[in-house]
Amino acid sequence: MNPLLSRLQPYPFERLKQLFAGVTPNPALRPISLGIGEPKHPTPDFIKQTLNAALYEPASDLAAYPPTAGTPKLREAFTGWMQRRYGLALDAATQVLPVNGSREALFAFAQTVVDPAPTADGPAVVVCPNPFYQIYEGAALLAGAEPYYAPSVASRNFAVDWDSVPESVWRRTRLVFVCSPGNPTGAVMPLSEWEKLFALSDRHGFVIASDECYSEIYFRDEPPLGGLEAAARLGRTGFKLLVSFTSLSKRSNVPGLRSGFVAGDAALLKSFLLYRTYHGSAMAPPVQAASIAAWGDEQHVIDNRAQYRAKFAQVTPVLASVLDVALPDAGFYLWAAVPGAGAGIAGSDTDFARDLLAQYNVTVLPGSYLAREASGSNPGAGRIRMALVAETAECLEAAQRIVQFVQSRT
């Protein structure tokens, strides 16, 4: 067996399952889960209809292997969306590639770009935010590198403190994962932060993987800044050492479709395509057809965003009456502090999640499961992540139960 597999840590939801072992949820209340970030809004009918029709079109041939690079029409759907969304003119032949969801691509990309050979200063490093999406850590470990959990700025939005990363770490860094809008915090990286990260990449030669799967769910008038967009604004041409990752899962409510794309540095994508050819990661023709339709339509995305805005507008004030929580920049999570945790009271994030399930049959994810201890502390400890993915009435009911739970503990 690959010895690196033993270094993988249990996924947050496996840890949650273990935490809840032996807990009997209140049977008088129907279960409500705010735990997993899986979109629950209905999939638009036109996407399902296109997927179904593609199976029976004369041109559809499931007996043939699809090209790993996707069809020209699919890649043009990607570049067309990038032009409309970010004002970027990308080369459909060299600067975009289809992927089977951003999760698969983020993991595979690290295997492509990380040179695991130790440097003169020590082992190769992949820098991750902290808290973070656990795929980053697993991708780093199985690529043969050491994850480095970058500290956060001491503020509500948990922005990465790039200035605090030692020079000795930057010299060993092969890849930096960024997530904007962030999971779990919903924070969006401003242009000044991108400028700082680009300067570090120029100096040390590391690749930047920009995870942007939440980019189309936002609460401000201005959409979140993307990594390639930031590079263009700063006059950087060719997107050197930069690749962005996006997906239809959240944007179009189709997590089961497993469809997204990557865009950026043509040289990196050429190598990534080679890896994916061996990896067997081609997108099925019906999925390509449905994806073309989804990327070409914006009205369903506007409608989806409006649903989230209305939902968060109702739910956030209810929870804010008892929790330290505020509307995020983007995404569909609320990142809340657990009352009393900072004072060392029996109010840790894990105790909170377990007792909430037992007493009110609501599932939330402990924040400590989304972060790692670094410099003596876990930045997610004492917080919970709540995914407001269900319909508004269900999320509102969950919020009201949480209010009752918190009040019963004080």
Protein backbone atom coordinates (compact mmCIF):
# COMPACT_ATOMS: atom_id res chain seq x y z
CA MET A 1 0.00 0.00 0.00
CA ASN A 2 1.05 3.58 -0.58
CA PRO A 3 2.49 4.57 2.83
CA LEU A 4 1.29 8.15 2.33
CA LEU A 5 -2.33 6.95 2.72
CA SER A 6 -1.70 6.46 6.43
CA ARG A 7 -1.15 10.20 6.80
CA LEU A 8 -4.68 11.11 5.68
CA GLN A 9 -6.93 12.31 8.48
CA PRO A 10 -10.59 11.29 8.75
CA TYR A 11 -12.89 13.52 6.72
CA PRO A 12 -14.96 16.00 8.82
CA PHE A 13 -18.18 14.06 8.30
CA GLU A 14 -16.57 10.81 9.41
CA ARG A 15 -15.46 12.60 12.57
CA LEU A 16 -18.98 13.95 12.98
CA LYS A 17 -20.36 10.42 12.69
CA GLN A 18 -18.00 9.32 15.45
CA LEU A 19 -18.94 12.31 17.60
CA PHE A 20 -22.63 11.44 17.30
CA ALA A 21 -22.14 7.73 18.06
CA GLY A 22 -24.42 6.84 20.93
CA VAL A 23 -26.39 10.10 20.69
CA THR A 24 -30.17 9.71 20.45
CA PRO A 25 -31.66 12.77 18.70
CA ASN A 26 -34.84 14.20 20.17
CA PRO A 27 -37.54 11.99 18.54
CA ALA A 28 -40.20 14.69 19.02
CA LEU A 29 -38.52 16.89 16.39
CA ARG A 30 -37.89 16.09 12.75
CA PRO A 31 -34.18 16.02 11.85
CA ILE A 32 -32.71 19.11 10.19
CA SER A 33 -29.13 19.09 8.90
CA LEU A 34 -27.04 22.21 8.47
CA GLY A 35 -23.95 20.05 8.35
CA ILE A 36 -22.96 19.21 4.80
CA GLY A 37 -22.57 21.86 2.10
CA GLU A 38 -24.67 20.09 -0.49
CA PRO A 39 -27.04 22.33 -2.49
CA LYS A 40 -30.71 21.49 -1.94
CA HIS A 41 -32.37 24.01 -4.23
CA PRO A 42 -34.04 22.28 -7.21
CA THR A 43 -31.91 21.58 -10.26
CA PRO A 44 -33.21 23.73 -13.16
CA ASP A 45 -35.44 21.72 -15.49
CA PHE A 46 -33.65 22.84 -18.64
CA ILE A 47 -30.41 21.24 -17.41
CA LYS A 48 -32.10 17.91 -16.72
CA GLN A 49 -33.93 18.05 -20.02
CA THR A 50 -30.70 18.75 -21.92
CA LEU A 51 -28.96 15.89 -20.12
CA ASN A 52 -31.79 13.51 -20.97
CA ALA A 53 -32.08 14.64 -24.60
CA ALA A 54 -28.34 14.21 -25.11
CA LEU A 55 -28.68 10.49 -24.49
CA TYR A 56 -30.95 10.09 -27.51
CA GLU A 57 -29.56 12.59 -29.99
CA PRO A 58 -28.27 10.95 -33.19
CA ALA A 59 -24.88 12.55 -32.59
CA SER A 60 -24.61 11.03 -29.12
CA ASP A 61 -22.39 7.97 -29.08
CA LEU A 62 -21.77 6.42 -25.68
CA ALA A 63 -19.80 3.67 -27.37
CA ALA A 64 -16.96 6.11 -28.08
CA TYR A 65 -14.45 7.46 -25.59
CA PRO A 66 -14.88 11.23 -25.10
CA PRO A 67 -11.78 13.41 -25.40
CA THR A 68 -10.20 14.33 -22.06
CA ALA A 69 -9.93 17.95 -23.22
CA GLY A 70 -13.66 18.09 -23.95
CA THR A 71 -15.23 19.20 -27.20
CA PRO A 72 -14.41 22.61 -28.70
CA LYS A 73 -18.03 23.62 -28.04
CA LEU A 74 -17.68 22.81 -24.34
CA ARG A 75 -14.43 24.75 -24.01
CA GLU A 76 -16.02 27.68 -25.81
CA ALA A 77 -18.86 27.59 -23.26
CA PHE A 78 -16.22 27.99 -20.54
CA THR A 79 -14.46 30.90 -22.24
CA GLY A 80 -17.78 32.55 -23.08
CA TRP A 81 -18.77 32.49 -19.42
CA MET A 82 -15.37 33.82 -18.32
CA GLN A 83 -15.77 36.70 -20.77
CA ARG A 84 -19.25 37.57 -19.51
CA ARG A 85 -18.45 37.08 -15.82
CA TYR A 86 -14.93 38.50 -15.55
CA GLY A 87 -14.32 40.33 -18.83
CA LEU A 88 -11.49 37.94 -19.71
CA ALA A 89 -10.67 36.72 -23.22
CA LEU A 90 -9.23 33.21 -22.80
CA ASP A 91 -7.98 30.83 -25.47
CA ALA A 92 -10.47 27.94 -25.60
CA ALA A 93 -7.81 25.61 -26.99
CA THR A 94 -5.11 26.16 -24.34
CA GLN A 95 -6.40 28.03 -21.28
CA VAL A 96 -9.41 25.98 -20.12
CA LEU A 97 -10.07 22.30 -19.39
CA PRO A 98 -13.19 20.43 -18.24
CA VAL A 99 -13.07 18.65 -14.87
CA ASN A 100 -15.39 16.29 -13.03
CA GLY A 101 -16.15 18.81 -10.31
CA SER A 102 -13.69 21.11 -8.57
CA ARG A 103 -12.99 18.63 -5.75
CA GLU A 104 -11.56 16.03 -8.12
CA ALA A 105 -9.59 18.67 -9.98
CA LEU A 106 -8.06 20.29 -6.90
CA PHE A 107 -6.73 16.94 -5.75
CA ALA A 108 -5.44 15.90 -9.17
CA PHE A 109 -3.84 19.27 -9.84
CA ALA A 110 -1.57 18.92 -6.82
CA GLN A 111 -0.36 15.56 -8.11
CA THR A 112 0.54 17.30 -11.37
CA VAL A 113 2.39 20.39 -10.16
CA VAL A 114 4.02 19.38 -6.87
CA ASP A 115 7.65 18.28 -7.08
CA PRO A 116 8.04 16.24 -3.88
CA ALA A 117 11.83 16.40 -3.89
CA PRO A 118 13.16 18.03 -0.69
CA THR A 119 14.77 21.42 -0.99
CA ALA A 120 17.96 22.60 0.67
CA ASP A 121 15.75 24.06 3.40
CA GLY A 122 13.69 20.92 4.02
CA PRO A 123 10.65 19.02 2.67
CA ALA A 124 8.51 20.42 -0.13
CA VAL A 125 5.52 22.40 1.16
CA VAL A 126 1.94 23.07 0.07
CA VAL A 127 0.44 26.10 1.81
CA CYS A 128 -3.23 25.91 2.85
CA PRO A 129 -5.50 28.40 4.59
CA ASN A 130 -6.57 27.47 8.11
CA PRO A 131 -9.52 26.74 8.48
CA PHE A 132 -9.71 25.03 5.11
CA TYR A 133 -11.29 22.49 2.75
CA GLN A 134 -9.70 19.17 3.68
CA ILE A 135 -9.04 18.14 0.07
CA TYR A 136 -6.12 20.61 0.09
CA GLU A 137 -4.43 18.73 2.91
CA GLY A 138 -4.99 15.29 1.39
CA ALA A 139 -3.78 16.46 -2.00
CA ALA A 140 -0.59 17.82 -0.45
CA LEU A 141 0.12 14.66 1.53
CA LEU A 142 -0.42 12.26 -1.37
CA ALA A 143 1.73 14.47 -3.60
CA GLY A 144 4.56 13.86 -1.14
CA ALA A 145 4.63 17.36 0.33
CA GLU A 146 4.08 18.75 3.82
CA PRO A 147 0.96 20.86 4.37
CA TYR A 148 1.65 24.22 5.97
CA TYR A 149 -1.39 25.75 7.66
CA ALA A 150 -1.12 29.49 7.14
CA PRO A 151 -2.26 31.57 10.13
CA SER A 152 -5.31 33.80 9.92
CA VAL A 153 -5.58 37.49 10.60
CA ALA A 154 -7.19 38.04 14.00
CA SER A 155 -10.54 39.17 12.66
CA ARG A 156 -13.99 37.81 11.96
CA ASN A 157 -13.34 36.89 8.35
CA PHE A 158 -10.27 34.71 9.03
CA ALA A 159 -8.32 36.11 6.08
CA VAL A 160 -4.95 34.42 5.57
CA ASP A 161 -2.04 36.31 7.10
CA TRP A 162 0.47 35.84 4.30
CA ASP A 163 2.98 38.13 6.05
CA SER A 164 3.26 35.71 8.97
CA VAL A 165 4.46 32.79 6.80
CA PRO A 166 8.23 32.47 7.38
CA GLU A 167 10.61 33.02 4.48
CA SER A 168 11.99 29.52 5.09
CA VAL A 169 8.53 28.10 4.34
CA TRP A 170 8.09 30.15 1.18
CA ARG A 171 11.41 28.85 -0.14
CA ARG A 172 10.05 25.29 0.12
CA THR A 173 6.58 26.03 -1.23
CA ARG A 174 5.50 24.33 -4.44
CA LEU A 175 1.78 25.14 -4.37
CA VAL A 176 -0.58 27.50 -2.54
CA PHE A 177 -4.28 26.73 -2.24
CA VAL A 178 -6.57 29.72 -1.85
CA CYS A 179 -10.33 29.63 -1.46
CA SER A 180 -12.25 32.78 -2.33
CA PRO A 181 -15.08 32.99 -1.43
CA GLY A 182 -13.84 30.95 1.47
CA ASN A 183 -15.10 27.75 3.01
CA PRO A 184 -16.15 27.97 5.84
CA THR A 185 -15.88 31.72 6.41
CA GLY A 186 -17.34 33.17 3.20
CA ALA A 187 -14.58 35.78 3.02
CA VAL A 188 -13.53 37.18 -0.39
CA MET A 189 -9.91 38.06 -1.12
CA PRO A 190 -9.47 41.75 -2.09
CA LEU A 191 -7.17 42.91 -4.87
CA SER A 192 -4.50 43.99 -2.38
CA GLU A 193 -4.25 40.45 -1.01
CA TRP A 194 -3.96 38.99 -4.50
CA GLU A 195 -1.21 41.48 -5.29
CA LYS A 196 0.73 40.35 -2.24
CA LEU A 197 0.32 36.67 -3.14
CA PHE A 198 1.36 37.24 -6.76
CA ALA A 199 4.51 39.00 -5.59
CA LEU A 200 5.37 36.04 -3.37
CA SER A 201 4.76 33.64 -6.27
CA ASP A 202 7.01 35.70 -8.52
CA ARG A 203 9.76 35.65 -5.91
CA HIS A 204 9.56 31.97 -4.96
CA GLY A 205 8.12 30.30 -8.07
CA PHE A 206 5.17 28.48 -6.52
CA VAL A 207 1.88 27.73 -8.26
CA ILE A 208 -1.42 29.22 -7.05
CA ALA A 209 -4.60 27.10 -7.19
CA SER A 210 -7.62 29.36 -6.72
CA ASP A 211 -10.73 27.49 -5.57
CA GLU A 212 -13.71 29.63 -6.63
CA CYS A 213 -16.63 27.20 -6.47
CA TYR A 214 -18.78 29.59 -4.37
CA SER A 215 -18.25 32.61 -6.62
CA GLU A 216 -21.86 32.92 -7.80
CA ILE A 217 -23.56 33.00 -4.38
CA TYR A 218 -22.90 36.44 -2.93
CA PHE A 219 -24.66 39.11 -0.91
CA ARG A 220 -23.08 42.35 -2.06
CA ASP A 221 -23.94 44.21 -5.25
CA GLU A 222 -20.48 43.57 -6.67
CA PRO A 223 -19.64 39.92 -7.48
CA PRO A 224 -16.56 38.39 -5.85
CA LEU A 225 -13.20 39.08 -7.43
CA GLY A 226 -11.71 36.05 -9.17
CA GLY A 227 -8.03 35.11 -9.25
CA LEU A 228 -7.62 35.48 -13.02
CA GLU A 229 -9.60 38.72 -12.89
CA ALA A 230 -7.27 40.03 -10.17
CA ALA A 231 -4.24 39.13 -12.28
CA ALA A 232 -5.68 40.97 -15.28
CA ARG A 233 -6.45 44.06 -13.21
CA LEU A 234 -2.86 44.10 -12.02
CA GLY A 235 -1.56 43.94 -15.58
CA ARG A 236 -0.29 40.37 -15.37
CA THR A 237 -0.43 38.64 -18.76
CA GLY A 238 -0.65 34.92 -19.42
CA PHE A 239 -1.74 34.08 -15.85
CA LYS A 240 1.71 32.71 -15.03
CA LEU A 241 1.62 30.02 -12.31
CA LEU A 242 -2.10 30.65 -11.69
CA VAL A 243 -5.06 28.33 -12.26
CA SER A 244 -8.64 28.91 -11.11
CA PHE A 245 -11.17 26.15 -10.37
CA THR A 246 -14.91 26.52 -10.69
CA SER A 247 -17.93 24.26 -10.78
CA LEU A 248 -21.61 24.02 -11.62
CA SER A 249 -22.43 22.31 -8.30
CA LYS A 250 -23.26 25.41 -6.28
CA ARG A 251 -23.90 27.81 -9.16
CA SER A 252 -26.53 25.63 -10.84
CA ASN A 253 -27.55 23.21 -8.05
CA VAL A 254 -26.16 20.14 -9.81
CA PRO A 255 -23.62 18.54 -7.43
CA GLY A 256 -24.51 15.14 -8.86
CA LEU A 257 -23.52 16.21 -12.37
CA ARG A 258 -19.84 16.44 -11.35
CA SER A 259 -18.99 19.18 -13.79
CA GLY A 260 -16.66 22.15 -13.70
CA PHE A 261 -13.60 23.58 -15.38
CA VAL A 262 -10.16 24.98 -14.71
CA ALA A 263 -8.67 28.04 -16.39
CA GLY A 264 -5.37 29.88 -16.42
CA ASP A 265 -1.71 29.29 -17.22
CA ALA A 266 -1.59 27.41 -20.55
CA ALA A 267 1.70 25.68 -19.71
CA LEU A 268 0.29 24.31 -16.46
CA LEU A 269 -2.91 23.19 -18.16
CA LYS A 270 -0.92 21.37 -20.84
CA SER A 271 0.74 19.30 -18.13
CA PHE A 272 -2.55 18.89 -16.29
CA LEU A 273 -4.15 17.57 -19.47
CA LEU A 274 -1.35 15.01 -19.81
CA TYR A 275 -1.95 13.87 -16.23
CA ARG A 276 -5.70 13.69 -16.77
CA THR A 277 -5.26 11.64 -19.96
CA TYR A 278 -3.58 8.93 -17.89
CA HIS A 279 -5.93 9.48 -14.97
CA GLY A 280 -8.99 8.72 -17.13
CA SER A 281 -10.88 11.89 -16.26
CA ALA A 282 -12.90 12.55 -19.41
CA MET A 283 -16.38 14.07 -19.08
CA ALA A 284 -19.25 12.01 -20.51
CA PRO A 285 -20.92 13.47 -23.62
CA PRO A 286 -24.37 13.94 -22.02
CA VAL A 287 -22.73 15.77 -19.11
CA GLN A 288 -20.87 17.96 -21.58
CA ALA A 289 -24.17 18.85 -23.28
CA ALA A 290 -25.86 19.69 -19.98
CA SER A 291 -22.83 21.71 -18.92
CA ILE A 292 -22.86 23.77 -22.12
CA ALA A 293 -26.50 24.61 -21.45
CA ALA A 294 -25.84 25.52 -17.82
CA TRP A 295 -22.84 27.77 -18.49
CA GLY A 296 -24.80 29.51 -21.24
CA ASP A 297 -27.71 30.55 -19.03
CA GLU A 298 -27.49 33.18 -16.30
CA GLN A 299 -31.12 33.66 -15.30
CA HIS A 300 -31.24 30.49 -13.22
CA VAL A 301 -28.11 31.66 -11.39
CA ILE A 302 -29.68 35.03 -10.64
CA ASP A 303 -32.79 33.28 -9.33
CA ASN A 304 -30.70 30.91 -7.21
CA ARG A 305 -28.73 33.81 -5.72
CA ALA A 306 -31.95 35.63 -4.91
CA GLN A 307 -33.18 32.60 -2.98
CA TYR A 308 -30.00 32.56 -0.89
CA ARG A 309 -30.17 36.29 -0.26
CA ALA A 310 -33.76 36.07 0.95
CA LYS A 311 -32.95 33.06 3.10
CA PHE A 312 -29.88 34.60 4.74
CA ALA A 313 -31.78 37.84 5.33
CA GLN A 314 -34.31 35.93 7.42
CA VAL A 315 -32.08 33.40 9.15
CA THR A 316 -28.99 35.45 10.04
CA PRO A 317 -30.72 37.95 12.38
CA VAL A 318 -32.42 35.10 14.25
CA LEU A 319 -29.09 33.39 14.91
CA ALA A 320 -27.30 36.68 15.60
CA SER A 321 -29.60 37.20 18.59
CA VAL A 322 -27.73 34.43 20.45
CA LEU A 323 -24.53 33.75 18.44
CA ASP A 324 -21.59 35.85 17.27
CA VAL A 325 -22.41 35.55 13.57
CA ALA A 326 -22.83 37.90 10.62
CA LEU A 327 -23.70 37.79 6.94
CA PRO A 328 -20.66 36.52 4.97
CA ASP A 329 -19.28 38.11 1.83
CA ALA A 330 -20.38 35.09 -0.20
CA GLY A 331 -21.07 31.35 -0.11
CA PHE A 332 -23.85 29.53 1.71
CA TYR A 333 -22.30 29.05 5.16
CA LEU A 334 -22.62 30.88 8.45
CA TRP A 335 -19.47 30.72 10.60
CA ALA A 336 -20.50 31.33 14.19
CA ALA A 337 -18.73 31.47 17.53
CA VAL A 338 -20.09 29.17 20.23
CA PRO A 339 -21.19 31.09 23.34
CA GLY A 340 -18.83 30.61 26.24
CA ALA A 341 -16.14 28.70 24.35
CA GLY A 342 -13.61 31.50 24.68
CA ALA A 343 -14.05 31.52 28.44
CA GLY A 344 -13.34 27.80 28.71
CA ILE A 345 -16.90 26.98 29.72
CA ALA A 346 -18.43 23.64 28.70
CA GLY A 347 -19.32 25.15 25.39
CA SER A 348 -16.80 23.80 22.92
CA ASP A 349 -17.81 23.38 19.32
CA THR A 350 -17.99 19.58 19.64
CA ASP A 351 -20.05 19.70 22.85
CA PHE A 352 -22.32 22.26 21.23
CA ALA A 353 -22.87 20.12 18.12
CA ARG A 354 -23.47 16.92 20.08
CA ASP A 355 -25.88 18.47 22.59
CA LEU A 356 -27.75 20.37 19.88
CA LEU A 357 -28.41 17.12 18.02
CA ALA A 358 -29.50 15.31 21.17
CA GLN A 359 -31.85 18.02 22.39
CA TYR A 360 -33.11 19.70 19.20
CA ASN A 361 -32.28 17.26 16.36
CA VAL A 362 -30.28 19.84 14.39
CA THR A 363 -26.90 18.96 12.88
CA VAL A 364 -24.08 21.50 12.59
CA LEU A 365 -20.39 20.96 11.90
CA PRO A 366 -17.80 21.75 14.62
CA GLY A 367 -15.35 24.36 13.40
CA SER A 368 -12.37 22.49 14.82
CA TYR A 369 -13.03 19.73 12.26
CA LEU A 370 -12.34 22.25 9.48
CA ALA A 371 -8.97 23.40 10.77
CA ARG A 372 -5.70 22.07 12.19
CA GLU A 373 -3.81 23.00 15.31
CA ALA A 374 -0.98 25.36 14.46
CA SER A 375 1.16 27.42 16.83
CA GLY A 376 -0.62 25.82 19.76
CA SER A 377 -4.22 26.48 18.79
CA ASN A 378 -6.93 25.37 16.39
CA PRO A 379 -8.47 28.47 14.73
CA GLY A 380 -11.77 26.66 14.17
CA ALA A 381 -12.20 25.65 17.79
CA GLY A 382 -15.14 27.28 19.48
CA ARG A 383 -16.97 27.82 16.19
CA ILE A 384 -19.57 25.98 14.16
CA ARG A 385 -20.31 25.96 10.45
CA MET A 386 -23.94 26.01 9.35
CA ALA A 387 -24.80 25.27 5.72
CA LEU A 388 -28.01 27.09 4.80
CA VAL A 389 -28.69 24.89 1.80
CA ALA A 390 -32.22 23.67 2.52
CA GLU A 391 -35.38 25.65 1.82
CA THR A 392 -35.89 28.83 3.84
CA ALA A 393 -38.60 27.43 6.12
CA GLU A 394 -36.42 24.51 7.16
CA CYS A 395 -33.37 26.70 7.79
CA LEU A 396 -35.51 29.15 9.77
CA GLU A 397 -36.89 26.35 11.90
CA ALA A 398 -33.36 25.13 12.57
CA ALA A 399 -32.29 28.65 13.56
CA GLN A 400 -35.20 28.97 15.98
CA ARG A 401 -34.30 25.65 17.58
CA ILE A 402 -30.68 26.82 17.94
CA VAL A 403 -31.90 29.98 19.67
CA GLN A 404 -33.91 27.87 22.12
CA PHE A 405 -30.91 25.60 22.67
CA VAL A 406 -28.52 28.47 23.40
CA GLN A 407 -31.01 30.13 25.73
CA SER A 408 -31.48 26.86 27.61
CA ARG A 409 -27.72 26.74 28.27
CA THR A 410 -27.44 30.21 29.77
